[in-house]
Amino acid sequence: MSGIEIAVGVAGIVTAIVKVAQAVRKFRNERANKRARIDRNAETAESRLITTLDNGPPQISNEYDRNLVRIGPAFSRGDGTWPS
């Protein structure tokens, strides 16, 4: 084998290694970005759930009181599940 053939072979191997390293870096970055998006979505969903659980009972009570005033005692009887 001549020196040129060896140099071309080595250059091909180096090029392949560089391309693989770039692909691995790209994959790692994409995976990290995806994980960050999932974490952000989970935090958003969790905060929405907490807000709903915190605000739900007072909102329901206020709605009940408003409808009781609007409809009257018949509303409080309803299906019999709400204490009169």
PDB file of N, CA and C in Angstrom:
ATOM      1  N   MET A   1       0.832  -1.166   0.000  1.00  0.00           N
ATOM      2  CA  MET A   1       0.000   0.000   0.000  1.00  0.00           C
ATOM      3  C   MET A   1       0.883   1.237   0.000  1.00  0.00           C
ATOM      4  N   SER A   2       0.453   2.195  -0.772  1.00  0.00           N
ATOM      5  CA  SER A   2       1.243   3.423  -0.845  1.00  0.00           C
ATOM      6  C   SER A   2       0.850   4.369   0.280  1.00  0.00           C
ATOM      7  N   GLY A   3       1.655   5.385   0.458  1.00  0.00           N
ATOM      8  CA  GLY A   3       1.404   6.373   1.508  1.00  0.00           C
ATOM      9  C   GLY A   3       0.099   7.112   1.296  1.00  0.00           C
ATOM     10  N   ILE A   4      -0.249   7.341   0.023  1.00  0.00           N
ATOM     11  CA  ILE A   4      -1.492   8.063  -0.286  1.00  0.00           C
ATOM     12  C   ILE A   4      -2.700   7.226   0.123  1.00  0.00           C
ATOM     13  N   GLU A   5      -2.652   5.933  -0.168  1.00  0.00           N
ATOM     14  CA  GLU A   5      -3.767   5.055   0.209  1.00  0.00           C
ATOM     15  C   GLU A   5      -3.963   5.022   1.722  1.00  0.00           C
ATOM     16  N   ILE A   6      -2.866   4.977   2.445  1.00  0.00           N
ATOM     17  CA  ILE A   6      -2.937   4.976   3.914  1.00  0.00           C
ATOM     18  C   ILE A   6      -3.508   6.296   4.404  1.00  0.00           C
ATOM     19  N   ALA A   7      -3.055   7.409   3.836  1.00  0.00           N
ATOM     20  CA  ALA A   7      -3.545   8.729   4.243  1.00  0.00           C
ATOM     21  C   ALA A   7      -5.044   8.858   3.970  1.00  0.00           C
ATOM     22  N   VAL A   8      -5.505   8.351   2.824  1.00  0.00           N
ATOM     23  CA  VAL A   8      -6.934   8.405   2.490  1.00  0.00           C
ATOM     24  C   VAL A   8      -7.728   7.530   3.467  1.00  0.00           C
ATOM     25  N   GLY A   9      -7.195   6.372   3.803  1.00  0.00           N
ATOM     26  CA  GLY A   9      -7.858   5.480   4.759  1.00  0.00           C
ATOM     27  C   GLY A   9      -7.978   6.113   6.137  1.00  0.00           C
ATOM     28  N   VAL A  10      -6.893   6.702   6.593  1.00  0.00           N
ATOM     29  CA  VAL A  10      -6.895   7.363   7.901  1.00  0.00           C
ATOM     30  C   VAL A  10      -7.869   8.539   7.884  1.00  0.00           C
ATOM     31  N   ALA A  11      -7.860   9.315   6.803  1.00  0.00           N
ATOM     32  CA  ALA A  11      -8.778  10.455   6.691  1.00  0.00           C
ATOM     33  C   ALA A  11     -10.231   9.975   6.731  1.00  0.00           C
ATOM     34  N   GLY A  12     -10.525   8.880   6.094  1.00  0.00           N
ATOM     35  CA  GLY A  12     -11.880   8.316   6.124  1.00  0.00           C
ATOM     36  C   GLY A  12     -12.288   7.890   7.526  1.00  0.00           C
ATOM     37  N   ILE A  13     -11.360   7.255   8.236  1.00  0.00           N
ATOM     38  CA  ILE A  13     -11.649   6.827   9.609  1.00  0.00           C
ATOM     39  C   ILE A  13     -11.881   8.036  10.513  1.00  0.00           C
ATOM     40  N   VAL A  14     -11.035   9.053  10.378  1.00  0.00           N
ATOM     41  CA  VAL A  14     -11.178  10.264  11.194  1.00  0.00           C
ATOM     42  C   VAL A  14     -12.518  10.942  10.893  1.00  0.00           C
ATOM     43  N   THR A  15     -12.874  11.028   9.617  1.00  0.00           N
ATOM     44  CA  THR A  15     -14.148  11.635   9.222  1.00  0.00           C
ATOM     45  C   THR A  15     -15.312  10.858   9.824  1.00  0.00           C
ATOM     46  N   ALA A  16     -15.247   9.554   9.785  1.00  0.00           N
ATOM     47  CA  ALA A  16     -16.316   8.727  10.352  1.00  0.00           C
ATOM     48  C   ALA A  16     -16.436   8.951  11.858  1.00  0.00           C
ATOM     49  N   ILE A  17     -15.325   9.016  12.553  1.00  0.00           N
ATOM     50  CA  ILE A  17     -15.348   9.237  14.002  1.00  0.00           C
ATOM     51  C   ILE A  17     -15.947  10.601  14.333  1.00  0.00           C
ATOM     52  N   VAL A  18     -15.574  11.610  13.568  1.00  0.00           N
ATOM     53  CA  VAL A  18     -16.107  12.959  13.796  1.00  0.00           C
ATOM     54  C   VAL A  18     -17.621  12.969  13.574  1.00  0.00           C
ATOM     55  N   LYS A  19     -18.083  12.326  12.514  1.00  0.00           N
ATOM     56  CA  LYS A  19     -19.524  12.291  12.209  1.00  0.00           C
ATOM     57  C   LYS A  19     -20.289  11.560  13.318  1.00  0.00           C
ATOM     58  N   VAL A  20     -19.742  10.467  13.801  1.00  0.00           N
ATOM     59  CA  VAL A  20     -20.399   9.725  14.886  1.00  0.00           C
ATOM     60  C   VAL A  20     -20.446  10.582  16.142  1.00  0.00           C
ATOM     61  N   ALA A  21     -19.390  11.273  16.463  1.00  0.00           N
ATOM     62  CA  ALA A  21     -19.363  12.143  17.642  1.00  0.00           C
ATOM     63  C   ALA A  21     -20.403  13.254  17.513  1.00  0.00           C
ATOM     64  N   GLN A  22     -20.538  13.825  16.326  1.00  0.00           N
ATOM     65  CA  GLN A  22     -21.545  14.864  16.108  1.00  0.00           C
ATOM     66  C   GLN A  22     -22.958  14.295  16.274  1.00  0.00           C
ATOM     67  N   ALA A  23     -23.177  13.104  15.751  1.00  0.00           N
ATOM     68  CA  ALA A  23     -24.492  12.470  15.872  1.00  0.00           C
ATOM     69  C   ALA A  23     -24.822  12.174  17.333  1.00  0.00           C
ATOM     70  N   VAL A  24     -23.829  11.715  18.083  1.00  0.00           N
ATOM     71  CA  VAL A  24     -24.045  11.422  19.508  1.00  0.00           C
ATOM     72  C   VAL A  24     -24.366  12.707  20.265  1.00  0.00           C
ATOM     73  N   ARG A  25     -23.635  13.781  19.993  1.00  0.00           N
ATOM     74  CA  ARG A  25     -23.910  15.067  20.640  1.00  0.00           C
ATOM     75  C   ARG A  25     -25.318  15.566  20.302  1.00  0.00           C
ATOM     76  N   LYS A  26     -25.687  15.460  19.031  1.00  0.00           N
ATOM     77  CA  LYS A  26     -27.010  15.899  18.603  1.00  0.00           C
ATOM     78  C   LYS A  26     -28.097  15.091  19.314  1.00  0.00           C
ATOM     79  N   PHE A  27     -27.933  13.781  19.377  1.00  0.00           N
ATOM     80  CA  PHE A  27     -28.894  12.912  20.050  1.00  0.00           C
ATOM     81  C   PHE A  27     -28.999  13.273  21.531  1.00  0.00           C
ATOM     82  N   ARG A  28     -27.857  13.478  22.179  1.00  0.00           N
ATOM     83  CA  ARG A  28     -27.839  13.826  23.600  1.00  0.00           C
ATOM     84  C   ARG A  28     -28.566  15.152  23.845  1.00  0.00           C
ATOM     85  N   ASN A  29     -28.323  16.153  22.990  1.00  0.00           N
ATOM     86  CA  ASN A  29     -28.988  17.450  23.133  1.00  0.00           C
ATOM     87  C   ASN A  29     -30.493  17.327  22.920  1.00  0.00           C
ATOM     88  N   GLU A  30     -30.905  16.565  21.905  1.00  0.00           N
ATOM     89  CA  GLU A  30     -32.334  16.380  21.638  1.00  0.00           C
ATOM     90  C   GLU A  30     -33.006  15.670  22.810  1.00  0.00           C
ATOM     91  N   ARG A  31     -32.346  14.673  23.366  1.00  0.00           N
ATOM     92  CA  ARG A  31     -32.898  13.945  24.506  1.00  0.00           C
ATOM     93  C   ARG A  31     -33.026  14.870  25.719  1.00  0.00           C
ATOM     94  N   ALA A  32     -32.029  15.694  25.958  1.00  0.00           N
ATOM     95  CA  ALA A  32     -32.083  16.639  27.078  1.00  0.00           C
ATOM     96  C   ALA A  32     -33.204  17.654  26.872  1.00  0.00           C
ATOM     97  N   ASN A  33     -33.365  18.151  25.654  1.00  0.00           N
ATOM     98  CA  ASN A  33     -34.438  19.099  25.358  1.00  0.00           C
ATOM     99  C   ASN A  33     -35.805  18.456  25.555  1.00  0.00           C
ATOM    100  N   LYS A  34     -35.942  17.218  25.106  1.00  0.00           N
ATOM    101  CA  LYS A  34     -37.214  16.506  25.264  1.00  0.00           C
ATOM    102  C   LYS A  34     -37.517  16.304  26.743  1.00  0.00           C
ATOM    103  N   ARG A  35     -36.533  15.900  27.511  1.00  0.00           N
ATOM    104  CA  ARG A  35     -36.717  15.697  28.952  1.00  0.00           C
ATOM    105  C   ARG A  35     -37.109  17.012  29.623  1.00  0.00           C
ATOM    106  N   ALA A  36     -36.507  18.116  29.204  1.00  0.00           N
ATOM    107  CA  ALA A  36     -36.833  19.423  29.782  1.00  0.00           C
ATOM    108  C   ALA A  36     -38.282  19.805  29.457  1.00  0.00           C
ATOM    109  N   ARG A  37     -38.727  19.538  28.217  1.00  0.00           N
ATOM    110  CA  ARG A  37     -40.115  19.825  27.848  1.00  0.00           C
ATOM    111  C   ARG A  37     -41.084  18.993  28.685  1.00  0.00           C
ATOM    112  N   ILE A  38     -40.768  17.718  28.866  1.00  0.00           N
ATOM    113  CA  ILE A  38     -41.629  16.838  29.663  1.00  0.00           C
ATOM    114  C   ILE A  38     -41.701  17.343  31.098  1.00  0.00           C
ATOM    115  N   ASP A  39     -40.559  17.732  31.655  1.00  0.00           N
ATOM    116  CA  ASP A  39     -40.532  18.243  33.030  1.00  0.00           C
ATOM    117  C   ASP A  39     -41.350  19.530  33.159  1.00  0.00           C
ATOM    118  N   ARG A  40     -41.230  20.430  32.174  1.00  0.00           N
ATOM    119  CA  ARG A  40     -41.998  21.676  32.212  1.00  0.00           C
ATOM    120  C   ARG A  40     -43.493  21.385  32.140  1.00  0.00           C
ATOM    121  N   ASN A  41     -43.880  20.458  31.263  1.00  0.00           N
ATOM    122  CA  ASN A  41     -45.301  20.109  31.137  1.00  0.00           C
ATOM    123  C   ASN A  41     -45.823  19.479  32.424  1.00  0.00           C
ATOM    124  N   ALA A  42     -45.021  18.630  33.049  1.00  0.00           N
ATOM    125  CA  ALA A  42     -45.441  17.997  34.296  1.00  0.00           C
ATOM    126  C   ALA A  42     -45.612  19.043  35.393  1.00  0.00           C
ATOM    127  N   GLU A  43     -44.690  19.998  35.462  1.00  0.00           N
ATOM    128  CA  GLU A  43     -44.800  21.063  36.466  1.00  0.00           C
ATOM    129  C   GLU A  43     -46.044  21.902  36.220  1.00  0.00           C
ATOM    130  N   THR A  44     -46.337  22.193  34.958  1.00  0.00           N
ATOM    131  CA  THR A  44     -47.515  22.982  34.625  1.00  0.00           C
ATOM    132  C   THR A  44     -48.783  22.222  35.010  1.00  0.00           C
ATOM    133  N   ALA A  45     -48.844  20.947  34.665  1.00  0.00           N
ATOM    134  CA  ALA A  45     -50.021  20.145  35.000  1.00  0.00           C
ATOM    135  C   ALA A  45     -50.190  20.046  36.510  1.00  0.00           C
ATOM    136  N   GLU A  46     -49.096  19.864  37.226  1.00  0.00           N
ATOM    137  CA  GLU A  46     -49.165  19.768  38.680  1.00  0.00           C
ATOM    138  C   GLU A  46     -49.639  21.079  39.296  1.00  0.00           C
ATOM    139  N   SER A  47     -49.138  22.194  38.814  1.00  0.00           N
ATOM    140  CA  SER A  47     -49.552  23.484  39.376  1.00  0.00           C
ATOM    141  C   SER A  47     -51.016  23.765  39.054  1.00  0.00           C
ATOM    142  N   ARG A  48     -51.473  23.361  37.871  1.00  0.00           N
ATOM    143  CA  ARG A  48     -52.892  23.531  37.534  1.00  0.00           C
ATOM    144  C   ARG A  48     -53.765  22.681  38.444  1.00  0.00           C
ATOM    145  N   LEU A  49     -53.350  21.459  38.727  1.00  0.00           N
ATOM    146  CA  LEU A  49     -54.109  20.578  39.616  1.00  0.00           C
ATOM    147  C   LEU A  49     -54.176  21.166  41.023  1.00  0.00           C
ATOM    148  N   ILE A  50     -53.050  21.643  41.525  1.00  0.00           N
ATOM    149  CA  ILE A  50     -53.021  22.233  42.864  1.00  0.00           C
ATOM    150  C   ILE A  50     -53.939  23.444  42.927  1.00  0.00           C
ATOM    151  N   THR A  51     -53.889  24.288  41.909  1.00  0.00           N
ATOM    152  CA  THR A  51     -54.752  25.471  41.867  1.00  0.00           C
ATOM    153  C   THR A  51     -56.220  25.060  41.870  1.00  0.00           C
ATOM    154  N   THR A  52     -56.550  24.051  41.071  1.00  0.00           N
ATOM    155  CA  THR A  52     -57.932  23.583  41.014  1.00  0.00           C
ATOM    156  C   THR A  52     -58.381  23.024  42.352  1.00  0.00           C
ATOM    157  N   LEU A  53     -57.529  22.235  42.980  1.00  0.00           N
ATOM    158  CA  LEU A  53     -57.889  21.656  44.276  1.00  0.00           C
ATOM    159  C   LEU A  53     -58.008  22.719  45.361  1.00  0.00           C
ATOM    160  N   ASP A  54     -57.179  23.745  45.282  1.00  0.00           N
ATOM    161  CA  ASP A  54     -57.250  24.831  46.267  1.00  0.00           C
ATOM    162  C   ASP A  54     -58.474  25.709  46.042  1.00  0.00           C
ATOM    163  N   ASN A  55     -58.786  26.009  44.788  1.00  0.00           N
ATOM    164  CA  ASN A  55     -59.855  26.956  44.482  1.00  0.00           C
ATOM    165  C   ASN A  55     -61.215  26.295  44.290  1.00  0.00           C
ATOM    166  N   GLY A  56     -61.256  25.005  44.059  1.00  0.00           N
ATOM    167  CA  GLY A  56     -62.502  24.316  43.756  1.00  0.00           C
ATOM    168  C   GLY A  56     -63.557  24.412  44.840  1.00  0.00           C
ATOM    169  N   PRO A  57     -63.266  24.001  46.058  1.00  0.00           N
ATOM    170  CA  PRO A  57     -64.305  24.041  47.103  1.00  0.00           C
ATOM    171  C   PRO A  57     -64.907  25.436  47.335  1.00  0.00           C
ATOM    172  N   PRO A  58     -64.093  26.497  47.432  1.00  0.00           N
ATOM    173  CA  PRO A  58     -64.717  27.824  47.608  1.00  0.00           C
ATOM    174  C   PRO A  58     -65.567  28.231  46.402  1.00  0.00           C
ATOM    175  N   GLN A  59     -65.126  27.878  45.199  1.00  0.00           N
ATOM    176  CA  GLN A  59     -65.911  28.223  44.015  1.00  0.00           C
ATOM    177  C   GLN A  59     -67.250  27.488  44.024  1.00  0.00           C
ATOM    178  N   ILE A  60     -67.224  26.212  44.403  1.00  0.00           N
ATOM    179  CA  ILE A  60     -68.461  25.427  44.458  1.00  0.00           C
ATOM    180  C   ILE A  60     -69.397  26.016  45.514  1.00  0.00           C
ATOM    181  N   SER A  61     -68.844  26.353  46.672  1.00  0.00           N
ATOM    182  CA  SER A  61     -69.655  26.939  47.735  1.00  0.00           C
ATOM    183  C   SER A  61     -70.267  28.267  47.293  1.00  0.00           C
ATOM    184  N   ASN A  62     -69.489  29.099  46.642  1.00  0.00           N
ATOM    185  CA  ASN A  62     -70.007  30.390  46.157  1.00  0.00           C
ATOM    186  C   ASN A  62     -71.100  30.179  45.121  1.00  0.00           C
ATOM    187  N   GLU A  63     -70.907  29.233  44.229  1.00  0.00           N
ATOM    188  CA  GLU A  63     -71.911  28.933  43.206  1.00  0.00           C
ATOM    189  C   GLU A  63     -73.201  28.427  43.865  1.00  0.00           C
ATOM    190  N   TYR A  64     -73.040  27.570  44.876  1.00  0.00           N
ATOM    191  CA  TYR A  64     -74.206  27.060  45.609  1.00  0.00           C
ATOM    192  C   TYR A  64     -74.964  28.220  46.260  1.00  0.00           C
ATOM    193  N   ASP A  65     -74.242  29.097  46.949  1.00  0.00           N
ATOM    194  CA  ASP A  65     -74.879  30.228  47.619  1.00  0.00           C
ATOM    195  C   ASP A  65     -75.592  31.132  46.625  1.00  0.00           C
ATOM    196  N   ARG A  66     -74.955  31.404  45.488  1.00  0.00           N
ATOM    197  CA  ARG A  66     -75.585  32.250  44.456  1.00  0.00           C
ATOM    198  C   ARG A  66     -76.873  31.630  43.956  1.00  0.00           C
ATOM    199  N   ASN A  67     -76.846  30.320  43.682  1.00  0.00           N
ATOM    200  CA  ASN A  67     -78.040  29.653  43.166  1.00  0.00           C
ATOM    201  C   ASN A  67     -79.118  29.519  44.235  1.00  0.00           C
ATOM    202  N   LEU A  68     -78.709  29.376  45.482  1.00  0.00           N
ATOM    203  CA  LEU A  68     -79.682  29.317  46.571  1.00  0.00           C
ATOM    204  C   LEU A  68     -80.443  30.630  46.662  1.00  0.00           C
ATOM    205  N   VAL A  69     -79.723  31.747  46.531  1.00  0.00           N
ATOM    206  CA  VAL A  69     -80.385  33.059  46.561  1.00  0.00           C
ATOM    207  C   VAL A  69     -81.265  33.228  45.329  1.00  0.00           C
ATOM    208  N   ARG A  70     -80.777  32.795  44.186  1.00  0.00           N
ATOM    209  CA  ARG A  70     -81.495  32.979  42.922  1.00  0.00           C
ATOM    210  C   ARG A  70     -82.731  32.089  42.842  1.00  0.00           C
ATOM    211  N   ILE A  71     -82.631  30.825  43.232  1.00  0.00           N
ATOM    212  CA  ILE A  71     -83.727  29.870  43.047  1.00  0.00           C
ATOM    213  C   ILE A  71     -84.563  29.720  44.315  1.00  0.00           C
ATOM    214  N   GLY A  72     -83.935  29.824  45.456  1.00  0.00           N
ATOM    215  CA  GLY A  72     -84.681  29.736  46.706  1.00  0.00           C
ATOM    216  C   GLY A  72     -84.528  28.389  47.382  1.00  0.00           C
ATOM    217  N   PRO A  73     -85.383  28.124  48.362  1.00  0.00           N
ATOM    218  CA  PRO A  73     -85.284  26.903  49.161  1.00  0.00           C
ATOM    219  C   PRO A  73     -85.380  25.613  48.343  1.00  0.00           C
ATOM    220  N   ALA A  74     -86.084  25.657  47.216  1.00  0.00           N
ATOM    221  CA  ALA A  74     -86.199  24.455  46.379  1.00  0.00           C
ATOM    222  C   ALA A  74     -84.812  24.003  45.914  1.00  0.00           C
ATOM    223  N   PHE A  75     -83.932  24.962  45.720  1.00  0.00           N
ATOM    224  CA  PHE A  75     -82.571  24.603  45.291  1.00  0.00           C
ATOM    225  C   PHE A  75     -81.837  23.857  46.390  1.00  0.00           C
ATOM    226  N   SER A  76     -82.034  24.267  47.648  1.00  0.00           N
ATOM    227  CA  SER A  76     -81.320  23.601  48.741  1.00  0.00           C
ATOM    228  C   SER A  76     -81.794  22.179  48.941  1.00  0.00           C
ATOM    229  N   ARG A  77     -83.051  21.886  48.602  1.00  0.00           N
ATOM    230  CA  ARG A  77     -83.533  20.522  48.710  1.00  0.00           C
ATOM    231  C   ARG A  77     -82.896  19.665  47.630  1.00  0.00           C
ATOM    232  N   GLY A  78     -82.833  20.161  46.409  1.00  0.00           N
ATOM    233  CA  GLY A  78     -82.169  19.500  45.282  1.00  0.00           C
ATOM    234  C   GLY A  78     -82.270  18.004  45.310  1.00  0.00           C
ATOM    235  N   ASP A  79     -81.137  17.333  45.342  1.00  0.00           N
ATOM    236  CA  ASP A  79     -81.153  15.869  45.371  1.00  0.00           C
ATOM    237  C   ASP A  79     -80.952  15.352  46.787  1.00  0.00           C
ATOM    238  N   GLY A  80     -80.940  16.254  47.765  1.00  0.00           N
ATOM    239  CA  GLY A  80     -80.850  15.846  49.145  1.00  0.00           C
ATOM    240  C   GLY A  80     -79.452  15.576  49.651  1.00  0.00           C
ATOM    241  N   THR A  81     -78.421  15.893  48.865  1.00  0.00           N
ATOM    242  CA  THR A  81     -77.070  15.603  49.297  1.00  0.00           C
ATOM    243  C   THR A  81     -76.407  16.774  50.011  1.00  0.00           C
ATOM    244  N   TRP A  82     -76.931  17.969  49.867  1.00  0.00           N
ATOM    245  CA  TRP A  82     -76.325  19.148  50.476  1.00  0.00           C
ATOM    246  C   TRP A  82     -77.011  19.416  51.800  1.00  0.00           C
ATOM    247  N   PRO A  83     -76.279  19.660  52.859  1.00  0.00           N
ATOM    248  CA  PRO A  83     -76.938  19.928  54.154  1.00  0.00           C
ATOM    249  C   PRO A  83     -77.746  21.221  54.089  1.00  0.00           C
ATOM    250  N   SER A  84     -78.967  21.181  54.572  1.00  0.00           N
ATOM    251  CA  SER A  84     -79.850  22.366  54.547  1.00  0.00           C
ATOM    252  C   SER A  84     -79.705  23.187  55.793  1.00  0.00           C
TER     253      SER A  84
END
